[in-house]
Amino acid sequence: MRTLTRARQARLRHRLIGSRLPWLAFALLLVPILPVRAEVPQRQGWTLQFADDFSGPSGQLPSSHRWRFDLGHGYPGAEDSHWGTHEVEANTASTANVSLDGNGHLRITPLRDAKGQWTSARIETNQADFHAPPGGVLRVEARIRMPDVQGPAAIGYWPAFWMLGHTFRQRLDWPAVGEVDIMENVNGLNRTWGTLHCGVSPGGPCTEKHGLSADAPCPDTRCQAAFHTYAVEWDRRAAPQVLRWYVDGQLYHTLRQDQLPAQTWERMSAPDGMFLILDVAMGGEFPDRLSAPLRTPTPATQPGHPMLVDYVAAWTRAH
């Protein structure tokens, strides 16, 4: 076979590549693109009760109309310091720890100073009356990318999205007031935990301090590698009432009213409702439990990895 000249080889390569370009373009159109930012969903038949899509310039604090800051190491007047869970960070209102990123996200960033002291942020909604209407449903949802850190560098990270009964602000009456953890993650694991806390601690009907919990991996991509949607529904359309937890629309945890003493359920489901919380704790009982015998965070834990929140929203439907 005759050897091709370099010029003829180049012309042949050009014709082959050119003939494939339309197919390459078509193939690229088929590659799924995960949006970095998403709109707050419109849900037919539901009434929007709250939404924040965190629009605004980079470096701005979240809206004081919607959110308040929890500062320091605990609630004023609380008997237990370190938020009752032995986490180590001091929470601040500094834009270094909590701010908009300019691309439609809230970022909460744990930091460690030269002395080894950790800071982070914890914010909660001013609104504290989120509840399912009689005979209806409450859905609370957020689209979140967990801190993008894994392995030894992630030990002690504890991002969360959760709800507390509103009387906690006056009485500090945990866990009787009820706590619904919509999303928790620790130590950079590819899992989300959904948990109900109730009754008394330690022990009680919710096996405190562990709570009644289930966990699941994030679908398709790691929890830390992409945004995922975390939601809980409180369904009062029938007896017994039901709590349901979802990740990316997939149901992974269910609790029924008849699994708890009637008085316990009534106390935590008072019609006054709950408020919502976003935070990234560092260290504490939950990450310690899953990293034992290590105490968290460790010297290898790497600061500076934010939790990104695309939106938070709550809806109700009458039936």
C-alpha atoms as a PDB file:
ATOM      1  CA  MET A   1       0.000   0.000   0.000  1.00  0.00           C
ATOM      2  CA  ARG A   2       1.323   3.372  -0.965  1.00  0.00           C
ATOM      3  CA  THR A   3       2.402   5.628   1.881  1.00  0.00           C
ATOM      4  CA  LEU A   4       0.354   8.849   2.256  1.00  0.00           C
ATOM      5  CA  THR A   5       2.185  12.142   2.198  1.00  0.00           C
ATOM      6  CA  ARG A   6       1.921  14.353   5.277  1.00  0.00           C
ATOM      7  CA  ALA A   7      -0.203  16.850   3.349  1.00  0.00           C
ATOM      8  CA  ARG A   8      -2.661  14.163   2.228  1.00  0.00           C
ATOM      9  CA  GLN A   9      -2.787  12.784   5.805  1.00  0.00           C
ATOM     10  CA  ALA A  10      -3.677  16.249   7.121  1.00  0.00           C
ATOM     11  CA  ARG A  11      -6.417  16.714   4.476  1.00  0.00           C
ATOM     12  CA  LEU A  12      -7.878  13.320   5.319  1.00  0.00           C
ATOM     13  CA  ARG A  13      -7.925  14.057   9.071  1.00  0.00           C
ATOM     14  CA  HIS A  14      -9.648  17.368   8.377  1.00  0.00           C
ATOM     15  CA  ARG A  15     -12.373  15.665   6.283  1.00  0.00           C
ATOM     16  CA  LEU A  16     -12.957  12.969   8.935  1.00  0.00           C
ATOM     17  CA  ILE A  17     -13.209  15.451  11.825  1.00  0.00           C
ATOM     18  CA  GLY A  18     -15.397  17.796   9.794  1.00  0.00           C
ATOM     19  CA  SER A  19     -17.803  14.995   8.929  1.00  0.00           C
ATOM     20  CA  ARG A  20     -18.199  14.180  12.639  1.00  0.00           C
ATOM     21  CA  LEU A  21     -18.759  17.700  13.955  1.00  0.00           C
ATOM     22  CA  PRO A  22     -22.560  17.648  13.538  1.00  0.00           C
ATOM     23  CA  TRP A  23     -22.695  14.344  15.419  1.00  0.00           C
ATOM     24  CA  LEU A  24     -20.413  15.674  18.139  1.00  0.00           C
ATOM     25  CA  ALA A  25     -22.622  18.743  18.552  1.00  0.00           C
ATOM     26  CA  PHE A  26     -25.718  16.554  18.744  1.00  0.00           C
ATOM     27  CA  ALA A  27     -24.078  14.323  21.346  1.00  0.00           C
ATOM     28  CA  LEU A  28     -23.168  17.326  23.471  1.00  0.00           C
ATOM     29  CA  LEU A  29     -26.805  18.377  23.480  1.00  0.00           C
ATOM     30  CA  LEU A  30     -27.671  15.043  25.032  1.00  0.00           C
ATOM     31  CA  VAL A  31     -25.239  15.469  27.954  1.00  0.00           C
ATOM     32  CA  PRO A  32     -27.251  16.501  31.048  1.00  0.00           C
ATOM     33  CA  ILE A  33     -26.229  19.820  32.529  1.00  0.00           C
ATOM     34  CA  LEU A  34     -26.939  20.247  36.243  1.00  0.00           C
ATOM     35  CA  PRO A  35     -28.026  23.829  36.865  1.00  0.00           C
ATOM     36  CA  VAL A  36     -25.953  25.713  39.379  1.00  0.00           C
ATOM     37  CA  ARG A  37     -28.973  27.826  40.249  1.00  0.00           C
ATOM     38  CA  ALA A  38     -32.642  26.866  40.132  1.00  0.00           C
ATOM     39  CA  GLU A  39     -35.855  28.822  40.555  1.00  0.00           C
ATOM     40  CA  VAL A  40     -38.099  28.205  43.551  1.00  0.00           C
ATOM     41  CA  PRO A  41     -40.527  25.574  42.209  1.00  0.00           C
ATOM     42  CA  GLN A  42     -44.133  26.452  41.486  1.00  0.00           C
ATOM     43  CA  ARG A  43     -46.334  23.708  42.899  1.00  0.00           C
ATOM     44  CA  GLN A  44     -49.822  23.423  41.486  1.00  0.00           C
ATOM     45  CA  GLY A  45     -52.416  23.181  44.233  1.00  0.00           C
ATOM     46  CA  TRP A  46     -50.013  24.469  46.888  1.00  0.00           C
ATOM     47  CA  THR A  47     -49.834  27.905  48.545  1.00  0.00           C
ATOM     48  CA  LEU A  48     -46.372  29.393  48.992  1.00  0.00           C
ATOM     49  CA  GLN A  49     -45.843  30.453  52.620  1.00  0.00           C
ATOM     50  CA  PHE A  50     -42.167  31.413  52.505  1.00  0.00           C
ATOM     51  CA  ALA A  51     -39.348  31.599  49.964  1.00  0.00           C
ATOM     52  CA  ASP A  52     -35.837  32.968  49.715  1.00  0.00           C
ATOM     53  CA  ASP A  53     -33.703  32.449  46.609  1.00  0.00           C
ATOM     54  CA  PHE A  54     -30.780  34.448  48.043  1.00  0.00           C
ATOM     55  CA  SER A  55     -30.520  36.895  45.176  1.00  0.00           C
ATOM     56  CA  GLY A  56     -28.237  39.837  45.775  1.00  0.00           C
ATOM     57  CA  PRO A  57     -24.667  41.046  45.431  1.00  0.00           C
ATOM     58  CA  SER A  58     -21.726  38.987  46.595  1.00  0.00           C
ATOM     59  CA  GLY A  59     -20.741  39.603  50.199  1.00  0.00           C
ATOM     60  CA  GLN A  60     -24.165  40.799  51.348  1.00  0.00           C
ATOM     61  CA  LEU A  61     -25.744  39.349  54.494  1.00  0.00           C
ATOM     62  CA  PRO A  62     -28.996  37.395  54.081  1.00  0.00           C
ATOM     63  CA  SER A  63     -32.195  39.412  54.379  1.00  0.00           C
ATOM     64  CA  SER A  64     -32.850  40.608  57.945  1.00  0.00           C
ATOM     65  CA  HIS A  65     -36.537  40.701  56.999  1.00  0.00           C
ATOM     66  CA  ARG A  66     -36.480  36.896  56.634  1.00  0.00           C
ATOM     67  CA  TRP A  67     -33.593  35.734  58.846  1.00  0.00           C
ATOM     68  CA  ARG A  68     -32.044  36.312  62.272  1.00  0.00           C
ATOM     69  CA  PHE A  69     -28.591  35.303  63.527  1.00  0.00           C
ATOM     70  CA  ASP A  70     -27.764  32.921  66.346  1.00  0.00           C
ATOM     71  CA  LEU A  71     -24.506  34.123  67.882  1.00  0.00           C
ATOM     72  CA  GLY A  72     -21.774  32.689  70.036  1.00  0.00           C
ATOM     73  CA  HIS A  73     -21.898  29.237  71.595  1.00  0.00           C
ATOM     74  CA  GLY A  74     -25.543  28.949  72.633  1.00  0.00           C
ATOM     75  CA  TYR A  75     -28.939  30.503  73.213  1.00  0.00           C
ATOM     76  CA  PRO A  76     -29.020  33.123  75.983  1.00  0.00           C
ATOM     77  CA  GLY A  77     -30.206  31.502  79.177  1.00  0.00           C
ATOM     78  CA  ALA A  78     -29.636  27.939  78.000  1.00  0.00           C
ATOM     79  CA  GLU A  79     -28.220  25.558  80.602  1.00  0.00           C
ATOM     80  CA  ASP A  80     -26.120  23.698  78.031  1.00  0.00           C
ATOM     81  CA  SER A  81     -23.413  25.655  76.254  1.00  0.00           C
ATOM     82  CA  HIS A  82     -22.179  24.832  72.776  1.00  0.00           C
ATOM     83  CA  TRP A  83     -25.787  24.604  71.512  1.00  0.00           C
ATOM     84  CA  GLY A  84     -26.419  21.550  73.669  1.00  0.00           C
ATOM     85  CA  THR A  85     -24.467  19.285  71.306  1.00  0.00           C
ATOM     86  CA  HIS A  86     -20.842  20.119  72.235  1.00  0.00           C
ATOM     87  CA  GLU A  87     -20.012  21.618  68.851  1.00  0.00           C
ATOM     88  CA  VAL A  88     -16.965  23.854  69.026  1.00  0.00           C
ATOM     89  CA  GLU A  89     -17.583  26.801  66.675  1.00  0.00           C
ATOM     90  CA  ALA A  90     -18.571  30.308  67.686  1.00  0.00           C
ATOM     91  CA  ASN A  91     -21.344  31.492  65.377  1.00  0.00           C
ATOM     92  CA  THR A  92     -21.051  35.005  63.982  1.00  0.00           C
ATOM     93  CA  ALA A  93     -22.812  37.505  61.740  1.00  0.00           C
ATOM     94  CA  SER A  94     -19.596  38.172  59.849  1.00  0.00           C
ATOM     95  CA  THR A  95     -19.794  38.078  56.059  1.00  0.00           C
ATOM     96  CA  ALA A  96     -16.694  35.891  56.184  1.00  0.00           C
ATOM     97  CA  ASN A  97     -18.917  33.180  57.688  1.00  0.00           C
ATOM     98  CA  VAL A  98     -22.309  33.926  56.120  1.00  0.00           C
ATOM     99  CA  SER A  99     -23.122  35.885  52.978  1.00  0.00           C
ATOM    100  CA  LEU A 100     -24.623  35.770  49.507  1.00  0.00           C
ATOM    101  CA  ASP A 101     -22.246  34.620  46.777  1.00  0.00           C
ATOM    102  CA  GLY A 102     -23.647  36.861  44.022  1.00  0.00           C
ATOM    103  CA  ASN A 103     -24.848  33.846  42.016  1.00  0.00           C
ATOM    104  CA  GLY A 104     -28.123  33.286  43.833  1.00  0.00           C
ATOM    105  CA  HIS A 105     -26.791  31.259  46.763  1.00  0.00           C
ATOM    106  CA  LEU A 106     -26.280  31.653  50.473  1.00  0.00           C
ATOM    107  CA  ARG A 107     -22.918  30.392  51.666  1.00  0.00           C
ATOM    108  CA  ILE A 108     -22.125  29.409  55.246  1.00  0.00           C
ATOM    109  CA  THR A 109     -18.376  28.957  55.665  1.00  0.00           C
ATOM    110  CA  PRO A 110     -16.606  27.492  58.717  1.00  0.00           C
ATOM    111  CA  LEU A 111     -13.240  29.110  59.371  1.00  0.00           C
ATOM    112  CA  ARG A 112     -10.355  28.456  61.772  1.00  0.00           C
ATOM    113  CA  ASP A 113      -8.089  31.225  63.010  1.00  0.00           C
ATOM    114  CA  ALA A 114      -4.387  31.151  63.800  1.00  0.00           C
ATOM    115  CA  LYS A 115      -5.135  30.067  67.373  1.00  0.00           C
ATOM    116  CA  GLY A 116      -7.173  27.097  66.177  1.00  0.00           C
ATOM    117  CA  GLN A 117     -10.535  28.608  67.098  1.00  0.00           C
ATOM    118  CA  TRP A 118     -13.453  27.830  64.766  1.00  0.00           C
ATOM    119  CA  THR A 119     -16.168  30.221  63.629  1.00  0.00           C
ATOM    120  CA  SER A 120     -19.227  29.552  61.472  1.00  0.00           C
ATOM    121  CA  ALA A 121     -22.833  30.730  61.181  1.00  0.00           C
ATOM    122  CA  ARG A 122     -26.324  29.665  62.149  1.00  0.00           C
ATOM    123  CA  ILE A 123     -29.403  31.527  60.937  1.00  0.00           C
ATOM    124  CA  GLU A 124     -33.099  30.976  61.548  1.00  0.00           C
ATOM    125  CA  THR A 125     -36.258  32.384  60.031  1.00  0.00           C
ATOM    126  CA  ASN A 126     -38.009  35.228  61.780  1.00  0.00           C
ATOM    127  CA  GLN A 127     -41.237  33.517  60.800  1.00  0.00           C
ATOM    128  CA  ALA A 128     -42.061  30.793  63.328  1.00  0.00           C
ATOM    129  CA  ASP A 129     -45.529  29.572  62.395  1.00  0.00           C
ATOM    130  CA  PHE A 130     -44.799  26.909  59.788  1.00  0.00           C
ATOM    131  CA  HIS A 131     -47.369  24.156  60.319  1.00  0.00           C
ATOM    132  CA  ALA A 132     -49.707  21.932  58.371  1.00  0.00           C
ATOM    133  CA  PRO A 133     -53.261  23.274  58.276  1.00  0.00           C
ATOM    134  CA  PRO A 134     -55.984  21.003  59.713  1.00  0.00           C
ATOM    135  CA  GLY A 135     -56.697  18.370  57.084  1.00  0.00           C
ATOM    136  CA  GLY A 136     -53.793  19.627  54.960  1.00  0.00           C
ATOM    137  CA  VAL A 137     -50.072  19.327  54.324  1.00  0.00           C
ATOM    138  CA  LEU A 138     -46.943  21.394  55.018  1.00  0.00           C
ATOM    139  CA  ARG A 139     -43.919  20.925  52.736  1.00  0.00           C
ATOM    140  CA  VAL A 140     -40.556  22.506  53.624  1.00  0.00           C
ATOM    141  CA  GLU A 141     -37.738  22.230  51.096  1.00  0.00           C
ATOM    142  CA  ALA A 142     -34.250  23.523  50.339  1.00  0.00           C
ATOM    143  CA  ARG A 143     -31.824  22.988  47.483  1.00  0.00           C
ATOM    144  CA  ILE A 144     -28.366  22.628  49.004  1.00  0.00           C
ATOM    145  CA  ARG A 145     -24.827  21.699  48.099  1.00  0.00           C
ATOM    146  CA  MET A 146     -23.043  20.365  51.136  1.00  0.00           C
ATOM    147  CA  PRO A 147     -19.473  21.488  51.873  1.00  0.00           C
ATOM    148  CA  ASP A 148     -17.314  19.990  49.119  1.00  0.00           C
ATOM    149  CA  VAL A 149     -14.808  18.206  51.320  1.00  0.00           C
ATOM    150  CA  GLN A 150     -14.179  14.532  52.044  1.00  0.00           C
ATOM    151  CA  GLY A 151     -11.890  12.215  53.987  1.00  0.00           C
ATOM    152  CA  PRO A 152      -9.788  13.416  56.948  1.00  0.00           C
ATOM    153  CA  ALA A 153     -10.247  17.049  55.844  1.00  0.00           C
ATOM    154  CA  ALA A 154     -14.024  16.716  56.399  1.00  0.00           C
ATOM    155  CA  ILE A 155     -13.998  15.265  59.912  1.00  0.00           C
ATOM    156  CA  GLY A 156     -16.206  17.453  62.111  1.00  0.00           C
ATOM    157  CA  TYR A 157     -18.239  19.184  59.378  1.00  0.00           C
ATOM    158  CA  TRP A 158     -21.932  19.124  60.327  1.00  0.00           C
ATOM    159  CA  PRO A 159     -24.171  21.021  57.854  1.00  0.00           C
ATOM    160  CA  ALA A 160     -27.907  20.984  58.564  1.00  0.00           C
ATOM    161  CA  PHE A 161     -31.344  22.267  57.533  1.00  0.00           C
ATOM    162  CA  TRP A 162     -33.992  21.777  60.235  1.00  0.00           C
ATOM    163  CA  MET A 163     -37.039  23.026  62.154  1.00  0.00           C
ATOM    164  CA  LEU A 164     -37.736  23.730  65.831  1.00  0.00           C
ATOM    165  CA  GLY A 165     -41.052  24.343  67.581  1.00  0.00           C
ATOM    166  CA  HIS A 166     -41.570  28.054  68.060  1.00  0.00           C
ATOM    167  CA  THR A 167     -41.957  27.935  71.861  1.00  0.00           C
ATOM    168  CA  PHE A 168     -38.275  27.028  72.089  1.00  0.00           C
ATOM    169  CA  ARG A 169     -37.508  30.739  71.695  1.00  0.00           C
ATOM    170  CA  GLN A 170     -39.243  31.476  75.013  1.00  0.00           C
ATOM    171  CA  ARG A 171     -38.851  28.265  77.008  1.00  0.00           C
ATOM    172  CA  LEU A 172     -35.817  26.427  75.600  1.00  0.00           C
ATOM    173  CA  ASP A 173     -38.048  23.339  75.909  1.00  0.00           C
ATOM    174  CA  TRP A 174     -36.070  20.848  73.833  1.00  0.00           C
ATOM    175  CA  PRO A 175     -36.850  18.110  72.870  1.00  0.00           C
ATOM    176  CA  ALA A 176     -40.496  18.272  73.980  1.00  0.00           C
ATOM    177  CA  VAL A 177     -41.094  21.181  71.594  1.00  0.00           C
ATOM    178  CA  GLY A 178     -40.183  18.945  68.636  1.00  0.00           C
ATOM    179  CA  GLU A 179     -37.288  19.110  66.203  1.00  0.00           C
ATOM    180  CA  VAL A 180     -37.512  17.974  62.593  1.00  0.00           C
ATOM    181  CA  ASP A 181     -34.121  17.574  60.922  1.00  0.00           C
ATOM    182  CA  ILE A 182     -34.753  17.805  57.179  1.00  0.00           C
ATOM    183  CA  MET A 183     -31.120  17.368  56.195  1.00  0.00           C
ATOM    184  CA  GLU A 184     -28.060  16.590  58.280  1.00  0.00           C
ATOM    185  CA  ASN A 185     -24.664  15.420  57.113  1.00  0.00           C
ATOM    186  CA  VAL A 186     -21.459  14.741  58.999  1.00  0.00           C
ATOM    187  CA  ASN A 187     -17.801  14.135  58.222  1.00  0.00           C
ATOM    188  CA  GLY A 188     -18.217  14.515  54.444  1.00  0.00           C
ATOM    189  CA  LEU A 189     -20.116  11.235  54.087  1.00  0.00           C
ATOM    190  CA  ASN A 190     -22.312  10.751  51.046  1.00  0.00           C
ATOM    191  CA  ARG A 191     -25.498  10.528  53.094  1.00  0.00           C
ATOM    192  CA  THR A 192     -28.362  12.669  54.316  1.00  0.00           C
ATOM    193  CA  TRP A 193     -30.078  12.010  57.634  1.00  0.00           C
ATOM    194  CA  GLY A 194     -33.714  12.814  58.417  1.00  0.00           C
ATOM    195  CA  THR A 195     -34.612  12.772  62.107  1.00  0.00           C
ATOM    196  CA  LEU A 196     -37.398  13.564  64.541  1.00  0.00           C
ATOM    197  CA  HIS A 197     -36.523  14.636  68.103  1.00  0.00           C
ATOM    198  CA  CYS A 198     -39.271  14.691  70.737  1.00  0.00           C
ATOM    199  CA  GLY A 199     -40.314  13.843  74.280  1.00  0.00           C
ATOM    200  CA  VAL A 200     -37.592  13.874  76.927  1.00  0.00           C
ATOM    201  CA  SER A 201     -33.819  13.493  76.962  1.00  0.00           C
ATOM    202  CA  PRO A 202     -32.119  11.165  77.485  1.00  0.00           C
ATOM    203  CA  GLY A 203     -34.233   8.273  76.257  1.00  0.00           C
ATOM    204  CA  GLY A 204     -37.964   8.804  75.844  1.00  0.00           C
ATOM    205  CA  PRO A 205     -40.124   7.894  72.854  1.00  0.00           C
ATOM    206  CA  CYS A 206     -37.624   9.415  70.391  1.00  0.00           C
ATOM    207  CA  THR A 207     -34.603   7.584  71.912  1.00  0.00           C
ATOM    208  CA  GLU A 208     -32.793  10.829  72.653  1.00  0.00           C
ATOM    209  CA  LYS A 209     -30.317  12.138  71.927  1.00  0.00           C
ATOM    210  CA  HIS A 210     -30.232  10.072  68.745  1.00  0.00           C
ATOM    211  CA  GLY A 211     -33.844  10.701  67.712  1.00  0.00           C
ATOM    212  CA  LEU A 212     -35.913   8.606  65.310  1.00  0.00           C
ATOM    213  CA  SER A 213     -33.768   8.655  62.216  1.00  0.00           C
ATOM    214  CA  ALA A 214     -33.102   7.204  58.779  1.00  0.00           C
ATOM    215  CA  ASP A 215     -30.473   8.021  56.187  1.00  0.00           C
ATOM    216  CA  ALA A 216     -29.874   7.628  52.469  1.00  0.00           C
ATOM    217  CA  PRO A 217     -27.197   8.407  49.876  1.00  0.00           C
ATOM    218  CA  CYS A 218     -27.758  11.303  47.513  1.00  0.00           C
ATOM    219  CA  PRO A 219     -29.034  10.083  44.120  1.00  0.00           C
ATOM    220  CA  ASP A 220     -26.812  10.164  41.027  1.00  0.00           C
ATOM    221  CA  THR A 221     -24.042  12.377  42.442  1.00  0.00           C
ATOM    222  CA  ARG A 222     -22.421  12.721  45.858  1.00  0.00           C
ATOM    223  CA  CYS A 223     -24.091  15.084  48.298  1.00  0.00           C
ATOM    224  CA  GLN A 224     -20.908  17.176  48.247  1.00  0.00           C
ATOM    225  CA  ALA A 225     -20.461  17.183  44.452  1.00  0.00           C
ATOM    226  CA  ALA A 226     -23.724  18.859  43.398  1.00  0.00           C
ATOM    227  CA  PHE A 227     -26.898  20.538  44.562  1.00  0.00           C
ATOM    228  CA  HIS A 228     -29.614  18.233  45.883  1.00  0.00           C
ATOM    229  CA  THR A 229     -33.127  18.939  47.109  1.00  0.00           C
ATOM    230  CA  TYR A 230     -34.057  18.019  50.681  1.00  0.00           C
ATOM    231  CA  ALA A 231     -37.656  18.144  51.850  1.00  0.00           C
ATOM    232  CA  VAL A 232     -40.059  17.067  54.569  1.00  0.00           C
ATOM    233  CA  GLU A 233     -43.845  16.859  54.427  1.00  0.00           C
ATOM    234  CA  TRP A 234     -46.106  16.971  57.477  1.00  0.00           C
ATOM    235  CA  ASP A 235     -49.380  15.377  56.359  1.00  0.00           C
ATOM    236  CA  ARG A 236     -52.524  15.957  58.437  1.00  0.00           C
ATOM    237  CA  ARG A 237     -55.032  14.792  55.817  1.00  0.00           C
ATOM    238  CA  ALA A 238     -55.805  11.565  57.645  1.00  0.00           C
ATOM    239  CA  ALA A 239     -55.328   9.897  61.013  1.00  0.00           C
ATOM    240  CA  PRO A 240     -52.668   8.996  61.884  1.00  0.00           C
ATOM    241  CA  GLN A 241     -50.698  12.038  60.712  1.00  0.00           C
ATOM    242  CA  VAL A 242     -47.489  11.275  58.798  1.00  0.00           C
ATOM    243  CA  LEU A 243     -44.030  12.834  58.457  1.00  0.00           C
ATOM    244  CA  ARG A 244     -42.161  12.033  55.218  1.00  0.00           C
ATOM    245  CA  TRP A 245     -38.549  12.838  54.278  1.00  0.00           C
ATOM    246  CA  TYR A 246     -37.270  13.144  50.691  1.00  0.00           C
ATOM    247  CA  VAL A 247     -33.983  13.641  48.865  1.00  0.00           C
ATOM    248  CA  ASP A 248     -34.347  14.710  45.216  1.00  0.00           C
ATOM    249  CA  GLY A 249     -37.979  13.596  45.369  1.00  0.00           C
ATOM    250  CA  GLN A 250     -37.126  10.104  46.615  1.00  0.00           C
ATOM    251  CA  LEU A 251     -38.866   9.074  49.835  1.00  0.00           C
ATOM    252  CA  TYR A 252     -36.448   7.540  52.358  1.00  0.00           C
ATOM    253  CA  HIS A 253     -38.017   7.990  55.817  1.00  0.00           C
ATOM    254  CA  THR A 254     -41.561   7.916  57.203  1.00  0.00           C
ATOM    255  CA  LEU A 255     -42.923   8.331  60.735  1.00  0.00           C
ATOM    256  CA  ARG A 256     -46.568   8.054  61.785  1.00  0.00           C
ATOM    257  CA  GLN A 257     -48.381   9.765  64.626  1.00  0.00           C
ATOM    258  CA  ASP A 258     -49.360   6.402  66.154  1.00  0.00           C
ATOM    259  CA  GLN A 259     -45.675   5.496  66.616  1.00  0.00           C
ATOM    260  CA  LEU A 260     -45.493   8.004  69.490  1.00  0.00           C
ATOM    261  CA  PRO A 261     -47.530   8.559  72.658  1.00  0.00           C
ATOM    262  CA  ALA A 262     -50.492  10.825  71.912  1.00  0.00           C
ATOM    263  CA  GLN A 263     -49.359  13.467  74.423  1.00  0.00           C
ATOM    264  CA  THR A 264     -45.840  13.570  72.918  1.00  0.00           C
ATOM    265  CA  TRP A 265     -47.164  14.108  69.388  1.00  0.00           C
ATOM    266  CA  GLU A 266     -49.664  16.738  70.503  1.00  0.00           C
ATOM    267  CA  ARG A 267     -46.960  18.676  72.357  1.00  0.00           C
ATOM    268  CA  MET A 268     -44.563  18.806  69.422  1.00  0.00           C
ATOM    269  CA  SER A 269     -47.234  19.465  66.787  1.00  0.00           C
ATOM    270  CA  ALA A 270     -48.855  22.444  68.474  1.00  0.00           C
ATOM    271  CA  PRO A 271     -50.621  24.653  65.917  1.00  0.00           C
ATOM    272  CA  ASP A 272     -48.310  27.587  66.682  1.00  0.00           C
ATOM    273  CA  GLY A 273     -45.801  25.971  64.321  1.00  0.00           C
ATOM    274  CA  MET A 274     -42.037  25.918  63.865  1.00  0.00           C
ATOM    275  CA  PHE A 275     -39.155  28.022  62.565  1.00  0.00           C
ATOM    276  CA  LEU A 276     -36.452  26.979  60.086  1.00  0.00           C
ATOM    277  CA  ILE A 277     -32.687  26.836  60.685  1.00  0.00           C
ATOM    278  CA  LEU A 278     -29.615  26.643  58.436  1.00  0.00           C
ATOM    279  CA  ASP A 279     -26.180  26.091  59.919  1.00  0.00           C
ATOM    280  CA  VAL A 280     -22.794  24.439  59.567  1.00  0.00           C
ATOM    281  CA  ALA A 281     -21.598  23.242  62.960  1.00  0.00           C
ATOM    282  CA  MET A 282     -18.070  22.020  63.606  1.00  0.00           C
ATOM    283  CA  GLY A 283     -17.586  19.026  65.853  1.00  0.00           C
ATOM    284  CA  GLY A 284     -20.102  17.810  68.393  1.00  0.00           C
ATOM    285  CA  GLU A 285     -21.980  14.679  69.371  1.00  0.00           C
ATOM    286  CA  PHE A 286     -23.130  13.528  65.936  1.00  0.00           C
ATOM    287  CA  PRO A 287     -19.808  13.760  64.037  1.00  0.00           C
ATOM    288  CA  ASP A 288     -18.009  12.434  67.135  1.00  0.00           C
ATOM    289  CA  ARG A 289     -20.282   9.386  67.202  1.00  0.00           C
ATOM    290  CA  LEU A 290     -19.525   8.509  63.585  1.00  0.00           C
ATOM    291  CA  SER A 291     -15.775   9.113  63.868  1.00  0.00           C
ATOM    292  CA  ALA A 292     -15.135   7.473  67.255  1.00  0.00           C
ATOM    293  CA  PRO A 293     -12.679   7.287  68.868  1.00  0.00           C
ATOM    294  CA  LEU A 294     -11.631  10.562  67.213  1.00  0.00           C
ATOM    295  CA  ARG A 295     -12.916  13.796  68.690  1.00  0.00           C
ATOM    296  CA  THR A 296     -13.931  16.268  66.031  1.00  0.00           C
ATOM    297  CA  PRO A 297     -12.763  18.452  64.422  1.00  0.00           C
ATOM    298  CA  THR A 298      -9.171  17.236  64.216  1.00  0.00           C
ATOM    299  CA  PRO A 299      -5.960  19.079  63.257  1.00  0.00           C
ATOM    300  CA  ALA A 300      -6.431  17.614  59.744  1.00  0.00           C
ATOM    301  CA  THR A 301      -9.896  19.150  59.351  1.00  0.00           C
ATOM    302  CA  GLN A 302      -9.729  21.752  56.609  1.00  0.00           C
ATOM    303  CA  PRO A 303     -11.512  25.098  57.066  1.00  0.00           C
ATOM    304  CA  GLY A 304     -13.095  27.199  54.359  1.00  0.00           C
ATOM    305  CA  HIS A 305     -15.531  24.818  52.633  1.00  0.00           C
ATOM    306  CA  PRO A 306     -18.992  26.444  52.463  1.00  0.00           C
ATOM    307  CA  MET A 307     -22.443  24.954  52.424  1.00  0.00           C
ATOM    308  CA  LEU A 308     -24.288  26.576  49.488  1.00  0.00           C
ATOM    309  CA  VAL A 309     -28.052  27.077  49.678  1.00  0.00           C
ATOM    310  CA  ASP A 310     -29.874  27.799  46.427  1.00  0.00           C
ATOM    311  CA  TYR A 311     -33.327  28.371  47.910  1.00  0.00           C
ATOM    312  CA  VAL A 312     -35.508  27.662  50.924  1.00  0.00           C
ATOM    313  CA  ALA A 313     -39.268  27.423  50.546  1.00  0.00           C
ATOM    314  CA  ALA A 314     -42.379  26.292  52.409  1.00  0.00           C
ATOM    315  CA  TRP A 315     -45.819  25.510  51.006  1.00  0.00           C
ATOM    316  CA  THR A 316     -49.154  24.351  52.389  1.00  0.00           C
ATOM    317  CA  ARG A 317     -52.149  22.733  50.758  1.00  0.00           C
ATOM    318  CA  ALA A 318     -55.610  22.564  52.252  1.00  0.00           C
ATOM    319  CA  HIS A 319     -56.318  18.927  51.371  1.00  0.00           C
END
